[in-house]
Every structure is written in C-alpha cells, then in structure tokens.
Amino acid sequence: MSAFTDYLENKLLDHVLRGLTYAMPTGIFLGLFTTPSSDAGPGTEVGGGSYARVQVGPSQSAWTATQGGTSGASSGTTGQSGNAADAAFPSPTAAWGTVTHFGLFDAASGGNLLFQGALAAAKTINAGDAAPKFLAGALTVTLA
C-alpha cells in the first residue's frame, strides 16, 4: 500500500478546492529505494547496475478501477486502485542493495514523487538475480 506525498496532496487540494491547474502526468514511473521514503520525499533511490524506473501508466489498462477491472470510470466504494499488470525492472548487472521502499514518480528520472510506501519485506538484490518485479495487484493506492 502506498501513501500520497505532500507534493501530490498539495497539488490535488489546490486543484479541487482552489481551482488551480494541475496537469495529469504524461507518465507514471515506479522506482525502488534502499532507505525509507516519506510523505516529504524519496529515500535513496537504487542506482547503477542497469537499474531504471519502470513506466506503469497512466492508463486505464495499467490500473484497476475501484470496482475492479480496467474498463470504465471508477464507481466502487473501496477507494483503491492496483496495478493491473506485472511491473518488471531490468535484470540487475550489479548489486542494487537491500530495497525497502518504492515510489511512483511523474518522470523517468528526477521528477516529483507522487506516492510512496514500504515493501512488505525488504529484498536484497544482487548482480545476476532475476529481474525484480511487482506482480499484478501487488501495488495499491488507496484514498481514505
């Protein structure tokens, strides 16, 4: 499960309540951290060894609607969306360290952290390991 960052909370409040423009990101990218992230910002992102963020949207086919499935506008009551397909990183060619957190950004590099969260269990990723991936449904974003 992931939490909104302060950046995204402020953008959404300004957009919905104050009429300020917030442009939808043209890409949503999944990143991995070796130190904790928080609402205030990202932790230490993995670097090197063929690491690259993975694009996971935005699109209806990339994320489920609140009532389940990937078609149509959300109409359910869960307030939750999950990744509809596996999200696979490149195979590591060097040690990435122990990954503890993940985040969703609005850019392939740099950019703004939108959502962040801790992994259910830390994962040490070494050179030659299988490409790390999040299975469909493993990433969830919940509005509460």
Protein backbone atom coordinates (compact mmCIF):
# COMPACT_ATOMS: atom_id res chain seq x y z
CA MET A 1 0.00 0.00 0.00
CA SER A 2 1.23 3.47 -0.71
CA ALA A 3 0.60 6.94 0.67
CA PHE A 4 0.24 10.26 -1.08
CA THR A 5 3.25 12.53 -0.80
CA ASP A 6 2.96 16.10 0.47
CA TYR A 7 3.64 17.26 -3.10
CA LEU A 8 0.64 15.42 -4.55
CA GLU A 9 -1.65 16.25 -1.61
CA ASN A 10 -0.95 19.96 -2.13
CA LYS A 11 -1.47 19.74 -5.90
CA LEU A 12 -4.80 17.92 -5.54
CA LEU A 13 -6.12 20.25 -2.82
CA ASP A 14 -5.19 23.30 -4.88
CA HIS A 15 -6.77 21.78 -7.99
CA VAL A 16 -10.04 20.57 -6.45
CA LEU A 17 -10.67 23.25 -3.82
CA ARG A 18 -8.81 26.29 -5.09
CA GLY A 19 -9.24 25.98 -8.85
CA LEU A 20 -5.52 25.91 -9.60
CA THR A 21 -4.38 23.91 -12.59
CA TYR A 22 -2.77 20.52 -12.07
CA ALA A 23 -1.77 18.77 -15.26
CA MET A 24 -2.02 14.98 -15.21
CA PRO A 25 1.43 13.41 -15.60
CA THR A 26 2.13 12.01 -19.05
CA GLY A 27 3.97 9.09 -17.43
CA ILE A 28 3.93 7.32 -14.07
CA PHE A 29 7.16 5.53 -13.17
CA LEU A 30 7.89 3.00 -10.43
CA GLY A 31 11.14 3.42 -8.51
CA LEU A 32 12.90 1.50 -5.71
CA PHE A 33 14.63 2.83 -2.59
CA THR A 34 17.27 1.44 -0.24
CA THR A 35 16.33 3.88 2.54
CA PRO A 36 12.87 4.88 3.76
CA SER A 37 10.79 7.32 1.78
CA SER A 38 8.18 9.54 3.39
CA ASP A 39 5.40 11.96 2.56
CA ALA A 40 8.08 14.66 2.44
CA GLY A 41 10.14 12.94 -0.26
CA PRO A 42 12.00 9.92 -1.57
CA GLY A 43 14.59 7.83 0.16
CA THR A 44 17.83 6.83 -1.54
CA GLU A 45 16.90 5.51 -4.96
CA VAL A 46 18.70 2.49 -6.39
CA GLY A 47 21.31 3.48 -8.97
CA GLY A 48 23.60 1.70 -11.43
CA GLY A 49 23.68 -1.94 -12.42
CA SER A 50 21.09 -1.48 -15.22
CA TYR A 51 18.53 -0.03 -12.79
CA ALA A 52 15.86 2.14 -14.38
CA ARG A 53 12.40 3.18 -13.28
CA VAL A 54 9.56 1.25 -14.89
CA GLN A 55 6.65 3.03 -16.59
CA VAL A 56 3.31 1.96 -15.08
CA GLY A 57 0.83 4.31 -16.70
CA PRO A 58 -1.14 6.42 -16.64
CA SER A 59 -3.78 4.45 -18.47
CA GLN A 60 -7.00 2.58 -17.78
CA SER A 61 -5.29 -0.66 -18.73
CA ALA A 62 -2.41 -0.10 -16.26
CA TRP A 63 -4.52 0.36 -13.09
CA THR A 64 -7.78 -1.15 -11.89
CA ALA A 65 -10.93 0.84 -11.26
CA THR A 66 -12.23 0.89 -7.68
CA GLN A 67 -14.89 -1.68 -8.56
CA GLY A 68 -12.29 -3.96 -10.19
CA GLY A 69 -11.39 -4.49 -13.81
CA THR A 70 -9.79 -1.96 -16.10
CA SER A 71 -12.65 -0.53 -18.13
CA GLY A 72 -14.76 2.47 -17.35
CA ALA A 73 -14.60 5.09 -14.65
CA SER A 74 -14.26 4.04 -11.02
CA SER A 75 -17.62 3.55 -9.30
CA GLY A 76 -16.77 1.22 -6.43
CA THR A 77 -16.52 2.01 -2.74
CA THR A 78 -13.01 0.73 -1.92
CA GLY A 79 -11.18 3.95 -2.78
CA GLN A 80 -8.40 1.69 -4.04
CA SER A 81 -6.64 1.06 -7.34
CA GLY A 82 -3.98 -1.56 -8.05
CA ASN A 83 -1.54 -2.28 -10.85
CA ALA A 84 -3.35 -4.34 -13.46
CA ALA A 85 -0.22 -5.91 -14.97
CA ASP A 86 3.17 -7.07 -13.72
CA ALA A 87 5.77 -4.29 -13.44
CA ALA A 88 9.25 -5.71 -14.15
CA PHE A 89 12.57 -3.93 -13.70
CA PRO A 90 15.64 -4.71 -15.82
CA SER A 91 17.84 -7.60 -14.65
CA PRO A 92 20.48 -6.24 -12.26
CA THR A 93 24.04 -6.27 -13.59
CA ALA A 94 25.43 -5.06 -10.24
CA ALA A 95 24.20 -5.24 -6.66
CA TRP A 96 21.31 -2.86 -6.02
CA GLY A 97 21.47 -3.31 -2.25
CA THR A 98 18.59 -4.03 0.09
CA VAL A 99 15.42 -2.47 -1.27
CA THR A 100 12.97 -1.39 1.44
CA HIS A 101 10.59 1.10 -0.21
CA PHE A 102 9.03 2.01 -3.54
CA GLY A 103 7.60 5.14 -5.08
CA LEU A 104 5.60 6.35 -8.06
CA PHE A 105 7.08 9.36 -9.88
CA ASP A 106 5.88 11.64 -12.65
CA ALA A 107 9.13 11.26 -14.64
CA ALA A 108 11.53 8.52 -15.77
CA SER A 109 14.30 10.31 -13.83
CA GLY A 110 14.13 13.20 -11.42
CA GLY A 111 10.57 14.49 -11.33
CA ASN A 112 8.19 14.51 -8.40
CA LEU A 113 7.43 11.64 -6.05
CA LEU A 114 3.63 11.17 -6.06
CA PHE A 115 3.08 8.06 -3.91
CA GLN A 116 5.44 6.12 -1.66
CA GLY A 117 5.38 3.11 0.60
CA ALA A 118 7.33 0.38 2.33
CA LEU A 119 7.70 -3.09 0.87
CA ALA A 120 6.03 -5.86 2.86
CA ALA A 121 9.52 -7.37 3.24
CA ALA A 122 12.92 -5.92 2.39
CA LYS A 123 14.62 -7.58 -0.60
CA THR A 124 18.36 -7.78 -1.24
CA ILE A 125 19.04 -7.57 -4.97
CA ASN A 126 22.39 -8.79 -6.28
CA ALA A 127 24.03 -8.84 -9.71
CA GLY A 128 22.66 -11.71 -11.77
CA ASP A 129 19.42 -12.03 -9.79
CA ALA A 130 16.18 -12.42 -11.70
CA ALA A 131 14.64 -9.14 -12.78
CA PRO A 132 12.71 -7.77 -9.78
CA LYS A 133 9.01 -7.35 -10.40
CA PHE A 134 5.73 -6.47 -8.76
CA LEU A 135 3.01 -8.91 -9.76
CA ALA A 136 -0.35 -7.54 -10.89
CA GLY A 137 -2.29 -6.32 -7.85
CA ALA A 138 0.82 -6.03 -5.64
CA LEU A 139 0.90 -2.21 -5.83
CA THR A 140 -2.12 -0.46 -4.39
CA VAL A 141 -3.04 3.17 -3.94
CA THR A 142 -5.85 3.93 -1.50
CA LEU A 143 -7.76 7.16 -0.92
CA ALA A 144 -9.08 7.13 2.61
